[in-house]
Amino acid sequence: MTPAAKLTKMMSDPGVSITAVSWCFGGVAVVVVGLRLYTRVALRRAGWDDFFIALSLANALVCSSLVQVAISYGLGRHLSDIPDGNRQIQAIKYTVIAPNFSVVSTTTGKMSVTIFLLRLMGQSASAARRWFLYIMMAVSVAWNVLAIVII
């Protein structure tokens, strides 16, 4: 097969594109969060925001891994193009499970940012601003729990 034919085949297979985007962004996230955690631990200033960002990254990587498993079963192709019925079921199963980890990842990421903002504002922030952040965090968690139930 010629290089042009290989490239055309790769471009026509959505699984290749999904894999490339998922793991490229995952690699960037691992480096950025790793550097953040390294500096925060080295400075002995790690806090709950760091815990939640690490939890967010872990859930995002689990989601990407589950999507990768779904791709191995045929995710990205039409169901009619997956010849084995069992492989179709497995592709659908992992496609349904993976978004739950994505939702948890975004929720814990938002919690990390909120906790970071609360720490950054310190005691100088008005009670109204602090309560606003607490309420927004609670609403975000509630909506995302509802999203997981719906999924």
Protein backbone atom coordinates (compact mmCIF):
# COMPACT_ATOMS: atom_id res chain seq x y z
CA MET A 1 0.00 0.00 0.00
CA THR A 2 1.38 3.39 -0.93
CA PRO A 3 1.85 6.12 1.69
CA ALA A 4 -0.91 8.17 0.05
CA ALA A 5 -3.29 5.22 0.25
CA LYS A 6 -2.40 4.67 3.92
CA LEU A 7 -3.05 8.34 4.65
CA THR A 8 -6.39 8.21 2.82
CA LYS A 9 -7.39 5.11 4.78
CA MET A 10 -6.38 6.73 8.09
CA MET A 11 -8.33 9.88 7.27
CA SER A 12 -11.45 7.87 6.39
CA ASP A 13 -11.35 5.94 9.69
CA PRO A 14 -12.79 8.09 12.50
CA GLY A 15 -11.24 5.78 15.10
CA VAL A 16 -7.76 6.97 14.11
CA SER A 17 -8.80 10.61 14.45
CA ILE A 18 -10.47 9.98 17.81
CA THR A 19 -7.36 8.21 19.07
CA ALA A 20 -5.00 10.93 17.86
CA VAL A 21 -6.97 13.80 19.38
CA SER A 22 -7.71 11.99 22.63
CA TRP A 23 -4.17 10.95 23.40
CA CYS A 24 -2.51 14.16 22.15
CA PHE A 25 -4.65 16.26 24.48
CA GLY A 26 -4.26 13.64 27.20
CA GLY A 27 -0.48 13.88 26.92
CA VAL A 28 -0.58 17.67 27.16
CA ALA A 29 -2.86 17.42 30.21
CA VAL A 30 -0.54 14.93 31.94
CA VAL A 31 2.45 17.22 31.41
CA VAL A 32 0.66 20.39 32.56
CA VAL A 33 -0.98 18.82 35.62
CA GLY A 34 2.21 16.94 36.45
CA LEU A 35 4.24 20.16 36.41
CA ARG A 36 1.61 21.92 38.50
CA LEU A 37 1.54 19.17 41.11
CA TYR A 38 5.33 18.91 41.15
CA THR A 39 5.76 22.63 41.84
CA ARG A 40 2.94 22.72 44.39
CA VAL A 41 4.32 19.74 46.31
CA ALA A 42 7.91 21.04 46.07
CA LEU A 43 6.77 24.38 47.51
CA ARG A 44 4.74 22.53 50.16
CA ARG A 45 1.61 24.43 49.12
CA ALA A 46 -0.51 21.60 47.77
CA GLY A 47 -4.19 21.84 48.61
CA TRP A 48 -7.61 20.46 47.83
CA ASP A 49 -7.61 22.18 44.44
CA ASP A 50 -4.58 20.08 43.48
CA PHE A 51 -6.32 16.91 44.65
CA PHE A 52 -9.38 17.68 42.52
CA ILE A 53 -7.34 18.54 39.42
CA ALA A 54 -5.45 15.24 39.77
CA LEU A 55 -8.79 13.44 40.18
CA SER A 56 -10.05 15.24 37.09
CA LEU A 57 -7.04 14.13 35.07
CA ALA A 58 -7.39 10.53 36.28
CA ASN A 59 -11.05 10.43 35.20
CA ALA A 60 -10.20 11.97 31.83
CA LEU A 61 -7.55 9.30 31.25
CA VAL A 62 -10.01 6.55 32.21
CA CYS A 63 -12.51 8.02 29.75
CA SER A 64 -9.89 8.09 26.99
CA SER A 65 -8.93 4.50 27.78
CA LEU A 66 -12.54 3.34 27.60
CA VAL A 67 -12.99 5.14 24.29
CA GLN A 68 -9.85 3.39 23.04
CA VAL A 69 -11.38 0.04 24.01
CA ALA A 70 -14.60 1.02 22.21
CA ILE A 71 -12.55 1.88 19.10
CA SER A 72 -11.00 -1.58 19.21
CA TYR A 73 -14.54 -2.99 19.05
CA GLY A 74 -15.55 -0.71 16.19
CA LEU A 75 -16.43 2.73 17.56
CA GLY A 76 -16.30 5.26 14.73
CA ARG A 77 -17.81 2.91 12.17
CA HIS A 78 -21.44 2.31 11.32
CA LEU A 79 -22.97 -0.62 13.17
CA SER A 80 -23.61 -2.30 9.83
CA ASP A 81 -19.86 -2.17 9.15
CA ILE A 82 -19.10 -4.16 12.32
CA PRO A 83 -19.75 -7.77 11.27
CA ASP A 84 -19.91 -9.45 14.70
CA GLY A 85 -22.95 -8.73 16.87
CA ASN A 86 -20.93 -9.19 20.07
CA ARG A 87 -18.41 -6.56 18.93
CA GLN A 88 -21.31 -4.19 18.22
CA ILE A 89 -22.62 -4.67 21.75
CA GLN A 90 -19.14 -4.13 23.26
CA ALA A 91 -18.60 -0.96 21.20
CA ILE A 92 -21.94 0.43 22.38
CA LYS A 93 -21.28 -0.61 26.00
CA TYR A 94 -17.96 1.22 26.22
CA THR A 95 -19.41 4.20 24.35
CA VAL A 96 -22.08 4.49 27.06
CA ILE A 97 -19.71 3.97 30.00
CA ALA A 98 -16.96 6.39 28.92
CA PRO A 99 -18.97 9.66 29.09
CA ASN A 100 -19.66 9.10 32.78
CA PHE A 101 -15.96 9.47 33.50
CA SER A 102 -15.85 12.53 31.25
CA VAL A 103 -18.65 14.16 33.25
CA VAL A 104 -16.87 13.37 36.53
CA SER A 105 -13.68 14.79 35.04
CA THR A 106 -15.28 18.10 34.11
CA THR A 107 -17.07 18.31 37.46
CA THR A 108 -13.92 17.78 39.50
CA GLY A 109 -12.06 20.21 37.23
CA LYS A 110 -14.67 22.88 37.96
CA MET A 111 -14.44 22.10 41.66
CA SER A 112 -10.67 22.52 41.50
CA VAL A 113 -11.00 25.94 39.86
CA THR A 114 -13.61 27.04 42.41
CA ILE A 115 -11.48 25.92 45.36
CA PHE A 116 -8.47 27.64 43.80
CA LEU A 117 -10.44 30.88 43.44
CA LEU A 118 -11.63 30.65 47.04
CA ARG A 119 -8.06 30.15 48.22
CA LEU A 120 -6.81 32.97 45.97
CA MET A 121 -9.42 35.41 47.30
CA GLY A 122 -8.68 34.46 50.88
CA GLN A 123 -10.48 36.06 53.78
CA SER A 124 -10.61 39.41 51.98
CA ALA A 125 -13.46 38.20 49.76
CA SER A 126 -16.95 39.26 50.71
CA ALA A 127 -19.34 36.64 52.01
CA ALA A 128 -21.55 37.17 48.95
CA ARG A 129 -18.71 36.30 46.56
CA ARG A 130 -17.78 33.22 48.53
CA TRP A 131 -21.40 32.03 48.69
CA PHE A 132 -21.79 32.69 44.97
CA LEU A 133 -18.88 30.33 44.26
CA TYR A 134 -20.22 27.70 46.68
CA ILE A 135 -23.67 27.86 45.07
CA MET A 136 -22.25 27.65 41.54
CA MET A 137 -20.15 24.65 42.55
CA ALA A 138 -23.18 22.93 44.09
CA VAL A 139 -25.30 23.62 41.00
CA SER A 140 -22.55 22.25 38.77
CA VAL A 141 -22.24 19.09 40.84
CA ALA A 142 -26.04 18.63 40.88
CA TRP A 143 -26.34 19.07 37.09
CA ASN A 144 -23.49 16.68 36.45
CA VAL A 145 -24.89 14.04 38.79
CA LEU A 146 -28.17 14.36 36.87
CA ALA A 147 -26.24 13.98 33.59
CA ILE A 148 -24.65 10.76 34.83
CA VAL A 149 -28.07 9.40 35.87
CA ILE A 150 -29.47 10.26 32.43
CA ILE A 151 -26.53 8.63 30.64
